[in-house]
Structure formats: C-alpha cells, structure tokens
Amino acid sequence: MPRQFAEDDWDDDEAANVPCPYCQREIEEDTPRCPYCENYISEENTPPARKPWWIVVGVVLALYAIYRWIGL
C-alpha cells in the first residue's frame, strides 16, 4: 500500500529571504542582484560589518580608566 502524504508534508519550494547587505531590504537568498538598490550580491563586495557600539564605548572607558590610574 503506497504511503499517502498530506499537503502539509511537502516543503515549500520558495527561496528563503535574507536582507540585502547594502539596503537591508528583504530579497531572495539566491538572487545575484538586489532588485531595489541594484547592487550585485557577493561575499567579496559586501560592506564591512559595523562594530557594536558597546565594544567601542567599552574600549574608550577602559583606556580612560588606565589613563586615570596611571595619573597622567
């Protein structure tokens, strides 16, 4: 007896959506070019990720504490 599948058992063939690295709008994962900002999507051309603000603030505070501790 062949197995019967419900319609919910099948995976959707739709591509996953990811944010564009340039404009942050949702695009299909496998698209070579963003349809909104028209930039080509590739690992080599992606803009560098920004450092979290709390790391920058932490480094500045640590440097200030060392400065005050040394007494310059």
N, C-alpha and C. Protein backbone atom coordinates (compact mmCIF):
# COMPACT_ATOMS: atom_id res chain seq x y z
N MET A 1 0.85 -1.17 0.00
CA MET A 1 0.00 0.00 0.00
C MET A 1 0.90 1.24 0.00
N PRO A 2 0.79 2.12 -0.97
CA PRO A 2 1.61 3.32 -1.02
C PRO A 2 1.23 4.31 0.09
N ARG A 3 2.24 5.01 0.54
CA ARG A 3 2.03 5.97 1.61
C ARG A 3 1.34 7.22 1.06
N GLN A 4 0.40 7.72 1.81
CA GLN A 4 -0.34 8.91 1.42
C GLN A 4 0.26 10.12 2.15
N PHE A 5 0.51 11.17 1.43
CA PHE A 5 1.08 12.37 2.01
C PHE A 5 0.02 13.46 2.10
N ALA A 6 0.03 14.13 3.19
CA ALA A 6 -0.83 15.30 3.33
C ALA A 6 -0.16 16.47 2.63
N GLU A 7 -0.92 17.47 2.30
CA GLU A 7 -0.35 18.62 1.60
C GLU A 7 0.67 19.36 2.48
N ASP A 8 0.53 19.28 3.79
CA ASP A 8 1.46 19.95 4.70
C ASP A 8 2.81 19.24 4.79
N ASP A 9 2.92 18.00 4.31
CA ASP A 9 4.17 17.25 4.39
C ASP A 9 5.22 17.75 3.41
N TRP A 10 4.82 18.46 2.39
CA TRP A 10 5.77 18.91 1.37
C TRP A 10 6.41 20.22 1.79
N ASP A 11 7.70 20.32 1.56
CA ASP A 11 8.40 21.57 1.82
C ASP A 11 8.05 22.58 0.74
N ASP A 12 7.99 23.81 1.13
CA ASP A 12 7.76 24.87 0.15
C ASP A 12 9.00 25.02 -0.71
N ASP A 13 8.79 25.23 -1.99
CA ASP A 13 9.91 25.42 -2.91
C ASP A 13 10.34 26.88 -2.98
N GLU A 14 9.76 27.72 -2.15
CA GLU A 14 10.11 29.13 -2.17
C GLU A 14 11.50 29.32 -1.56
N ALA A 15 12.25 30.23 -2.13
CA ALA A 15 13.58 30.53 -1.61
C ALA A 15 13.45 31.34 -0.32
N ALA A 16 14.42 31.16 0.55
CA ALA A 16 14.42 31.92 1.80
C ALA A 16 14.77 33.37 1.52
N ASN A 17 14.23 34.25 2.31
CA ASN A 17 14.53 35.67 2.15
C ASN A 17 15.61 36.07 3.14
N VAL A 18 16.51 36.92 2.69
CA VAL A 18 17.60 37.45 3.51
C VAL A 18 17.68 38.95 3.27
N PRO A 19 18.25 39.71 4.22
CA PRO A 19 18.39 41.15 3.98
C PRO A 19 19.53 41.44 3.02
N CYS A 20 19.33 42.42 2.16
CA CYS A 20 20.39 42.87 1.26
C CYS A 20 21.49 43.51 2.11
N PRO A 21 22.77 43.18 1.87
CA PRO A 21 23.83 43.76 2.68
C PRO A 21 24.02 45.26 2.46
N TYR A 22 23.42 45.81 1.43
CA TYR A 22 23.58 47.24 1.13
C TYR A 22 22.39 48.07 1.60
N CYS A 23 21.17 47.66 1.24
CA CYS A 23 20.00 48.47 1.57
C CYS A 23 19.14 47.86 2.68
N GLN A 24 19.45 46.64 3.11
CA GLN A 24 18.76 45.94 4.20
C GLN A 24 17.31 45.58 3.89
N ARG A 25 16.89 45.62 2.64
CA ARG A 25 15.55 45.18 2.28
C ARG A 25 15.56 43.69 2.03
N GLU A 26 14.43 43.03 2.23
CA GLU A 26 14.34 41.59 2.06
C GLU A 26 14.42 41.21 0.58
N ILE A 27 15.33 40.29 0.27
CA ILE A 27 15.48 39.77 -1.10
C ILE A 27 15.58 38.26 -1.02
N GLU A 28 15.40 37.60 -2.15
CA GLU A 28 15.55 36.15 -2.19
C GLU A 28 17.02 35.79 -1.99
N GLU A 29 17.25 34.67 -1.32
CA GLU A 29 18.61 34.29 -0.96
C GLU A 29 19.51 34.04 -2.16
N ASP A 30 18.97 33.50 -3.23
CA ASP A 30 19.82 33.11 -4.36
C ASP A 30 19.85 34.13 -5.50
N THR A 31 19.39 35.34 -5.26
CA THR A 31 19.41 36.35 -6.31
C THR A 31 20.81 36.95 -6.45
N PRO A 32 21.29 37.15 -7.68
CA PRO A 32 22.64 37.70 -7.86
C PRO A 32 22.69 39.22 -7.70
N ARG A 33 21.52 39.88 -7.79
CA ARG A 33 21.49 41.35 -7.75
C ARG A 33 20.24 41.81 -7.01
N CYS A 34 20.41 42.79 -6.14
CA CYS A 34 19.27 43.32 -5.39
C CYS A 34 18.35 44.09 -6.34
N PRO A 35 17.06 43.77 -6.36
CA PRO A 35 16.15 44.48 -7.26
C PRO A 35 15.83 45.90 -6.79
N TYR A 36 16.16 46.24 -5.55
CA TYR A 36 15.85 47.56 -5.01
C TYR A 36 17.00 48.54 -5.20
N CYS A 37 18.20 48.17 -4.72
CA CYS A 37 19.34 49.10 -4.84
C CYS A 37 20.24 48.76 -6.03
N GLU A 38 19.97 47.64 -6.69
CA GLU A 38 20.67 47.20 -7.90
C GLU A 38 22.16 46.91 -7.70
N ASN A 39 22.57 46.62 -6.46
CA ASN A 39 23.95 46.20 -6.21
C ASN A 39 24.04 44.69 -6.39
N TYR A 40 25.16 44.23 -6.92
CA TYR A 40 25.38 42.80 -7.04
C TYR A 40 25.73 42.23 -5.67
N ILE A 41 25.20 41.06 -5.39
CA ILE A 41 25.40 40.43 -4.10
C ILE A 41 26.53 39.41 -4.22
N SER A 42 27.62 39.66 -3.51
CA SER A 42 28.72 38.70 -3.48
C SER A 42 29.47 38.88 -2.17
N GLU A 43 30.16 37.85 -1.73
CA GLU A 43 30.91 37.91 -0.48
C GLU A 43 32.06 38.91 -0.57
N GLU A 44 32.64 39.06 -1.75
CA GLU A 44 33.79 39.94 -1.91
C GLU A 44 33.40 41.41 -1.81
N ASN A 45 32.19 41.74 -2.23
CA ASN A 45 31.78 43.14 -2.31
C ASN A 45 30.90 43.59 -1.16
N THR A 46 30.66 42.75 -0.19
CA THR A 46 29.78 43.14 0.90
C THR A 46 30.42 44.23 1.75
N PRO A 47 29.65 45.20 2.18
CA PRO A 47 30.23 46.23 3.03
C PRO A 47 30.66 45.63 4.37
N PRO A 48 31.72 46.17 4.97
CA PRO A 48 32.18 45.60 6.24
C PRO A 48 31.13 45.80 7.33
N ALA A 49 31.05 44.81 8.19
CA ALA A 49 30.09 44.89 9.29
C ALA A 49 30.56 45.93 10.31
N ARG A 50 29.62 46.68 10.85
CA ARG A 50 29.97 47.68 11.86
C ARG A 50 30.22 47.00 13.19
N LYS A 51 31.14 47.53 13.95
CA LYS A 51 31.38 47.01 15.28
C LYS A 51 30.24 47.47 16.19
N PRO A 52 29.84 46.62 17.11
CA PRO A 52 28.79 47.05 18.04
C PRO A 52 29.24 48.26 18.85
N TRP A 53 28.34 49.17 19.10
CA TRP A 53 28.69 50.42 19.79
C TRP A 53 29.20 50.17 21.19
N TRP A 54 28.72 49.11 21.86
CA TRP A 54 29.14 48.87 23.24
C TRP A 54 30.60 48.43 23.32
N ILE A 55 31.13 47.82 22.27
CA ILE A 55 32.56 47.46 22.26
C ILE A 55 33.40 48.73 22.17
N VAL A 56 33.01 49.64 21.31
CA VAL A 56 33.74 50.89 21.15
C VAL A 56 33.70 51.69 22.46
N VAL A 57 32.52 51.78 23.07
CA VAL A 57 32.39 52.50 24.34
C VAL A 57 33.21 51.82 25.43
N GLY A 58 33.20 50.50 25.47
CA GLY A 58 33.99 49.76 26.47
C GLY A 58 35.48 50.00 26.33
N VAL A 59 35.97 50.03 25.11
CA VAL A 59 37.40 50.28 24.88
C VAL A 59 37.76 51.70 25.31
N VAL A 60 36.92 52.67 24.97
CA VAL A 60 37.18 54.05 25.36
C VAL A 60 37.18 54.19 26.88
N LEU A 61 36.23 53.57 27.56
CA LEU A 61 36.19 53.63 29.02
C LEU A 61 37.39 52.93 29.65
N ALA A 62 37.82 51.81 29.09
CA ALA A 62 38.99 51.11 29.61
C ALA A 62 40.24 51.97 29.44
N LEU A 63 40.40 52.60 28.29
CA LEU A 63 41.55 53.48 28.08
C LEU A 63 41.51 54.68 29.03
N TYR A 64 40.34 55.22 29.29
CA TYR A 64 40.21 56.34 30.23
C TYR A 64 40.57 55.89 31.64
N ALA A 65 40.11 54.69 32.04
CA ALA A 65 40.44 54.18 33.37
C ALA A 65 41.94 53.97 33.53
N ILE A 66 42.60 53.45 32.51
CA ILE A 66 44.05 53.27 32.56
C ILE A 66 44.73 54.63 32.64
N TYR A 67 44.26 55.59 31.90
CA TYR A 67 44.81 56.95 31.92
C TYR A 67 44.70 57.54 33.33
N ARG A 68 43.53 57.40 33.96
CA ARG A 68 43.33 57.94 35.31
C ARG A 68 44.15 57.17 36.35
N TRP A 69 44.31 55.86 36.16
CA TRP A 69 45.05 55.03 37.11
C TRP A 69 46.53 55.38 37.08
N ILE A 70 47.07 55.61 35.88
CA ILE A 70 48.48 55.96 35.75
C ILE A 70 48.70 57.39 36.26
N GLY A 71 47.72 58.25 36.14
CA GLY A 71 47.81 59.60 36.66
C GLY A 71 48.49 60.58 35.73
N LEU A 72 48.34 60.41 34.47
CA LEU A 72 48.96 61.34 33.52
C LEU A 72 48.25 62.65 33.48
